[in-house]
Amino acid sequence: MKNPNVEICSLIESRMNETIQEIKKKDSIFESDILDSELRILDWVFYQVCKDQIKRM
């Protein structure tokens, strides 16, 4: 990463929340399918990168 001060877990979590909000705005399953796929990928990345922080909570 270019900036080591960026908290990657917070950044990923923020993007996940934005994606969830976008999914809620969609009218059809077909429109939200791409976003759902993105959310699943972000969830996996979040777990892999932030699992140590999750354990502390």
PDB file of N, CA and C in Angstrom:
ATOM      1  N   MET A   1       0.830  -1.188   0.000  1.00  0.00           N
ATOM      2  CA  MET A   1       0.000   0.000   0.000  1.00  0.00           C
ATOM      3  C   MET A   1       0.868   1.243   0.000  1.00  0.00           C
ATOM      4  N   LYS A   2       0.369   2.277  -0.606  1.00  0.00           N
ATOM      5  CA  LYS A   2       1.110   3.526  -0.674  1.00  0.00           C
ATOM      6  C   LYS A   2       1.164   4.230   0.671  1.00  0.00           C
ATOM      7  N   ASN A   3       0.076   4.155   1.416  1.00  0.00           N
ATOM      8  CA  ASN A   3       0.015   4.832   2.705  1.00  0.00           C
ATOM      9  C   ASN A   3      -0.184   3.793   3.812  1.00  0.00           C
ATOM     10  N   PRO A   4       0.855   3.484   4.570  1.00  0.00           N
ATOM     11  CA  PRO A   4       0.738   2.458   5.611  1.00  0.00           C
ATOM     12  C   PRO A   4      -0.120   2.876   6.801  1.00  0.00           C
ATOM     13  N   ASN A   5      -0.490   4.152   6.872  1.00  0.00           N
ATOM     14  CA  ASN A   5      -1.313   4.634   7.975  1.00  0.00           C
ATOM     15  C   ASN A   5      -2.802   4.377   7.766  1.00  0.00           C
ATOM     16  N   VAL A   6      -3.176   3.966   6.584  1.00  0.00           N
ATOM     17  CA  VAL A   6      -4.575   3.680   6.295  1.00  0.00           C
ATOM     18  C   VAL A   6      -4.965   2.388   6.995  1.00  0.00           C
ATOM     19  N   GLU A   7      -6.052   2.426   7.719  1.00  0.00           N
ATOM     20  CA  GLU A   7      -6.536   1.231   8.393  1.00  0.00           C
ATOM     21  C   GLU A   7      -7.355   0.420   7.402  1.00  0.00           C
ATOM     22  N   ILE A   8      -6.743  -0.628   6.889  1.00  0.00           N
ATOM     23  CA  ILE A   8      -7.350  -1.401   5.817  1.00  0.00           C
ATOM     24  C   ILE A   8      -8.654  -2.064   6.255  1.00  0.00           C
ATOM     25  N   CYS A   9      -8.727  -2.518   7.475  1.00  0.00           N
ATOM     26  CA  CYS A   9      -9.950  -3.170   7.945  1.00  0.00           C
ATOM     27  C   CYS A   9     -11.126  -2.195   7.940  1.00  0.00           C
ATOM     28  N   SER A  10     -10.888  -1.000   8.392  1.00  0.00           N
ATOM     29  CA  SER A  10     -11.946   0.018   8.378  1.00  0.00           C
ATOM     30  C   SER A  10     -12.347   0.375   6.958  1.00  0.00           C
ATOM     31  N   LEU A  11     -11.379   0.424   6.096  1.00  0.00           N
ATOM     32  CA  LEU A  11     -11.649   0.735   4.700  1.00  0.00           C
ATOM     33  C   LEU A  11     -12.494  -0.354   4.038  1.00  0.00           C
ATOM     34  N   ILE A  12     -12.144  -1.595   4.264  1.00  0.00           N
ATOM     35  CA  ILE A  12     -12.906  -2.709   3.699  1.00  0.00           C
ATOM     36  C   ILE A  12     -14.308  -2.731   4.279  1.00  0.00           C
ATOM     37  N   GLU A  13     -14.425  -2.546   5.572  1.00  0.00           N
ATOM     38  CA  GLU A  13     -15.732  -2.552   6.218  1.00  0.00           C
ATOM     39  C   GLU A  13     -16.617  -1.431   5.683  1.00  0.00           C
ATOM     40  N   SER A  14     -16.038  -0.280   5.475  1.00  0.00           N
ATOM     41  CA  SER A  14     -16.776   0.844   4.910  1.00  0.00           C
ATOM     42  C   SER A  14     -17.295   0.514   3.514  1.00  0.00           C
ATOM     43  N   ARG A  15     -16.438  -0.077   2.703  1.00  0.00           N
ATOM     44  CA  ARG A  15     -16.843  -0.451   1.338  1.00  0.00           C
ATOM     45  C   ARG A  15     -17.936  -1.514   1.376  1.00  0.00           C
ATOM     46  N   MET A  16     -17.856  -2.429   2.319  1.00  0.00           N
ATOM     47  CA  MET A  16     -18.898  -3.444   2.461  1.00  0.00           C
ATOM     48  C   MET A  16     -20.241  -2.796   2.802  1.00  0.00           C
ATOM     49  N   ASN A  17     -20.218  -1.835   3.700  1.00  0.00           N
ATOM     50  CA  ASN A  17     -21.450  -1.140   4.070  1.00  0.00           C
ATOM     51  C   ASN A  17     -22.039  -0.367   2.897  1.00  0.00           C
ATOM     52  N   GLU A  18     -21.194   0.256   2.122  1.00  0.00           N
ATOM     53  CA  GLU A  18     -21.662   0.966   0.923  1.00  0.00           C
ATOM     54  C   GLU A  18     -22.300  -0.014  -0.057  1.00  0.00           C
ATOM     55  N   THR A  19     -21.694  -1.157  -0.229  1.00  0.00           N
ATOM     56  CA  THR A  19     -22.220  -2.166  -1.158  1.00  0.00           C
ATOM     57  C   THR A  19     -23.563  -2.686  -0.676  1.00  0.00           C
ATOM     58  N   ILE A  20     -23.705  -2.906   0.608  1.00  0.00           N
ATOM     59  CA  ILE A  20     -24.982  -3.356   1.166  1.00  0.00           C
ATOM     60  C   ILE A  20     -26.070  -2.331   0.893  1.00  0.00           C
ATOM     61  N   GLN A  21     -25.746  -1.064   1.072  1.00  0.00           N
ATOM     62  CA  GLN A  21     -26.727  -0.012   0.800  1.00  0.00           C
ATOM     63  C   GLN A  21     -27.129   0.017  -0.670  1.00  0.00           C
ATOM     64  N   GLU A  22     -26.172  -0.191  -1.553  1.00  0.00           N
ATOM     65  CA  GLU A  22     -26.475  -0.225  -2.982  1.00  0.00           C
ATOM     66  C   GLU A  22     -27.352  -1.423  -3.328  1.00  0.00           C
ATOM     67  N   ILE A  23     -27.099  -2.555  -2.707  1.00  0.00           N
ATOM     68  CA  ILE A  23     -27.921  -3.751  -2.945  1.00  0.00           C
ATOM     69  C   ILE A  23     -29.363  -3.478  -2.530  1.00  0.00           C
ATOM     70  N   LYS A  24     -29.540  -2.813  -1.411  1.00  0.00           N
ATOM     71  CA  LYS A  24     -30.893  -2.507  -0.916  1.00  0.00           C
ATOM     72  C   LYS A  24     -31.654  -1.583  -1.854  1.00  0.00           C
ATOM     73  N   LYS A  25     -30.950  -0.786  -2.632  1.00  0.00           N
ATOM     74  CA  LYS A  25     -31.591   0.153  -3.556  1.00  0.00           C
ATOM     75  C   LYS A  25     -32.037  -0.506  -4.861  1.00  0.00           C
ATOM     76  N   LYS A  26     -31.498  -1.654  -5.168  1.00  0.00           N
ATOM     77  CA  LYS A  26     -31.799  -2.311  -6.443  1.00  0.00           C
ATOM     78  C   LYS A  26     -33.174  -2.951  -6.412  1.00  0.00           C
ATOM     79  N   ASP A  27     -33.827  -2.941  -7.573  1.00  0.00           N
ATOM     80  CA  ASP A  27     -35.174  -3.483  -7.671  1.00  0.00           C
ATOM     81  C   ASP A  27     -35.222  -4.961  -8.027  1.00  0.00           C
ATOM     82  N   SER A  28     -34.196  -5.445  -8.654  1.00  0.00           N
ATOM     83  CA  SER A  28     -34.240  -6.837  -9.085  1.00  0.00           C
ATOM     84  C   SER A  28     -33.019  -7.604  -8.624  1.00  0.00           C
ATOM     85  N   ILE A  29     -33.171  -8.892  -8.595  1.00  0.00           N
ATOM     86  CA  ILE A  29     -32.068  -9.777  -8.204  1.00  0.00           C
ATOM     87  C   ILE A  29     -30.944  -9.678  -9.215  1.00  0.00           C
ATOM     88  N   PHE A  30     -31.288  -9.527 -10.469  1.00  0.00           N
ATOM     89  CA  PHE A  30     -30.271  -9.462 -11.517  1.00  0.00           C
ATOM     90  C   PHE A  30     -29.367  -8.237 -11.360  1.00  0.00           C
ATOM     91  N   GLU A  31     -29.964  -7.119 -10.973  1.00  0.00           N
ATOM     92  CA  GLU A  31     -29.179  -5.904 -10.764  1.00  0.00           C
ATOM     93  C   GLU A  31     -28.272  -6.025  -9.542  1.00  0.00           C
ATOM     94  N   SER A  32     -28.757  -6.694  -8.525  1.00  0.00           N
ATOM     95  CA  SER A  32     -27.983  -6.783  -7.287  1.00  0.00           C
ATOM     96  C   SER A  32     -27.003  -7.953  -7.271  1.00  0.00           C
ATOM     97  N   ASP A  33     -27.078  -8.836  -8.242  1.00  0.00           N
ATOM     98  CA  ASP A  33     -26.218 -10.020  -8.265  1.00  0.00           C
ATOM     99  C   ASP A  33     -24.736  -9.656  -8.333  1.00  0.00           C
ATOM    100  N   ILE A  34     -24.389  -8.686  -9.154  1.00  0.00           N
ATOM    101  CA  ILE A  34     -22.997  -8.266  -9.285  1.00  0.00           C
ATOM    102  C   ILE A  34     -22.505  -7.684  -7.952  1.00  0.00           C
ATOM    103  N   LEU A  35     -23.344  -6.877  -7.328  1.00  0.00           N
ATOM    104  CA  LEU A  35     -22.968  -6.288  -6.047  1.00  0.00           C
ATOM    105  C   LEU A  35     -22.850  -7.348  -4.957  1.00  0.00           C
ATOM    106  N   ASP A  36     -23.721  -8.341  -5.027  1.00  0.00           N
ATOM    107  CA  ASP A  36     -23.652  -9.430  -4.061  1.00  0.00           C
ATOM    108  C   ASP A  36     -22.337 -10.191  -4.196  1.00  0.00           C
ATOM    109  N   SER A  37     -21.919 -10.413  -5.411  1.00  0.00           N
ATOM    110  CA  SER A  37     -20.638 -11.080  -5.650  1.00  0.00           C
ATOM    111  C   SER A  37     -19.482 -10.246  -5.091  1.00  0.00           C
ATOM    112  N   GLU A  38     -19.546  -8.947  -5.314  1.00  0.00           N
ATOM    113  CA  GLU A  38     -18.512  -8.054  -4.783  1.00  0.00           C
ATOM    114  C   GLU A  38     -18.490  -8.102  -3.257  1.00  0.00           C
ATOM    115  N   LEU A  39     -19.675  -8.121  -2.664  1.00  0.00           N
ATOM    116  CA  LEU A  39     -19.777  -8.164  -1.214  1.00  0.00           C
ATOM    117  C   LEU A  39     -19.178  -9.452  -0.654  1.00  0.00           C
ATOM    118  N   ARG A  40     -19.420 -10.558  -1.301  1.00  0.00           N
ATOM    119  CA  ARG A  40     -18.850 -11.832  -0.847  1.00  0.00           C
ATOM    120  C   ARG A  40     -17.325 -11.819  -0.928  1.00  0.00           C
ATOM    121  N   ILE A  41     -16.801 -11.232  -1.979  1.00  0.00           N
ATOM    122  CA  ILE A  41     -15.346 -11.123  -2.121  1.00  0.00           C
ATOM    123  C   ILE A  41     -14.778 -10.226  -1.023  1.00  0.00           C
ATOM    124  N   LEU A  42     -15.417  -9.094  -0.796  1.00  0.00           N
ATOM    125  CA  LEU A  42     -14.965  -8.187   0.260  1.00  0.00           C
ATOM    126  C   LEU A  42     -15.029  -8.852   1.633  1.00  0.00           C
ATOM    127  N   ASP A  43     -16.076  -9.638   1.849  1.00  0.00           N
ATOM    128  CA  ASP A  43     -16.215 -10.340   3.113  1.00  0.00           C
ATOM    129  C   ASP A  43     -15.065 -11.324   3.314  1.00  0.00           C
ATOM    130  N   TRP A  44     -14.718 -12.046   2.272  1.00  0.00           N
ATOM    131  CA  TRP A  44     -13.610 -12.996   2.349  1.00  0.00           C
ATOM    132  C   TRP A  44     -12.291 -12.259   2.609  1.00  0.00           C
ATOM    133  N   VAL A  45     -12.063 -11.185   1.886  1.00  0.00           N
ATOM    134  CA  VAL A  45     -10.831 -10.408   2.068  1.00  0.00           C
ATOM    135  C   VAL A  45     -10.791  -9.827   3.480  1.00  0.00           C
ATOM    136  N   PHE A  46     -11.916  -9.293   3.921  1.00  0.00           N
ATOM    137  CA  PHE A  46     -11.997  -8.727   5.268  1.00  0.00           C
ATOM    138  C   PHE A  46     -11.616  -9.769   6.308  1.00  0.00           C
ATOM    139  N   TYR A  47     -12.154 -10.971   6.182  1.00  0.00           N
ATOM    140  CA  TYR A  47     -11.839 -12.023   7.138  1.00  0.00           C
ATOM    141  C   TYR A  47     -10.360 -12.388   7.099  1.00  0.00           C
ATOM    142  N   GLN A  48      -9.824 -12.545   5.906  1.00  0.00           N
ATOM    143  CA  GLN A  48      -8.421 -12.941   5.775  1.00  0.00           C
ATOM    144  C   GLN A  48      -7.464 -11.883   6.314  1.00  0.00           C
ATOM    145  N   VAL A  49      -7.754 -10.638   6.032  1.00  0.00           N
ATOM    146  CA  VAL A  49      -6.851  -9.551   6.415  1.00  0.00           C
ATOM    147  C   VAL A  49      -7.046  -9.149   7.877  1.00  0.00           C
ATOM    148  N   CYS A  50      -8.268  -9.211   8.362  1.00  0.00           N
ATOM    149  CA  CYS A  50      -8.582  -8.633   9.664  1.00  0.00           C
ATOM    150  C   CYS A  50      -8.901  -9.673  10.736  1.00  0.00           C
ATOM    151  N   LYS A  51      -8.636 -10.922  10.484  1.00  0.00           N
ATOM    152  CA  LYS A  51      -9.024 -11.953  11.458  1.00  0.00           C
ATOM    153  C   LYS A  51      -8.352 -11.775  12.806  1.00  0.00           C
ATOM    154  N   ASP A  52      -7.146 -11.233  12.839  1.00  0.00           N
ATOM    155  CA  ASP A  52      -6.500 -10.980  14.127  1.00  0.00           C
ATOM    156  C   ASP A  52      -7.237  -9.909  14.915  1.00  0.00           C
ATOM    157  N   GLN A  53      -7.690  -8.889  14.229  1.00  0.00           N
ATOM    158  CA  GLN A  53      -8.447  -7.832  14.897  1.00  0.00           C
ATOM    159  C   GLN A  53      -9.806  -8.347  15.344  1.00  0.00           C
ATOM    160  N   ILE A  54     -10.404  -9.220  14.555  1.00  0.00           N
ATOM    161  CA  ILE A  54     -11.710  -9.791  14.904  1.00  0.00           C
ATOM    162  C   ILE A  54     -11.579 -10.628  16.168  1.00  0.00           C
ATOM    163  N   LYS A  55     -10.507 -11.370  16.313  1.00  0.00           N
ATOM    164  CA  LYS A  55     -10.287 -12.213  17.482  1.00  0.00           C
ATOM    165  C   LYS A  55     -10.169 -11.373  18.755  1.00  0.00           C
ATOM    166  N   ARG A  56      -9.580 -10.198  18.645  1.00  0.00           N
ATOM    167  CA  ARG A  56      -9.414  -9.327  19.804  1.00  0.00           C
ATOM    168  C   ARG A  56     -10.738  -8.758  20.298  1.00  0.00           C
ATOM    169  N   MET A  57     -11.708  -8.677  19.444  1.00  0.00           N
ATOM    170  CA  MET A  57     -12.999  -8.088  19.812  1.00  0.00           C
ATOM    171  C   MET A  57     -13.786  -9.035  20.632  1.00  0.00           C
TER     172      MET A  57
END
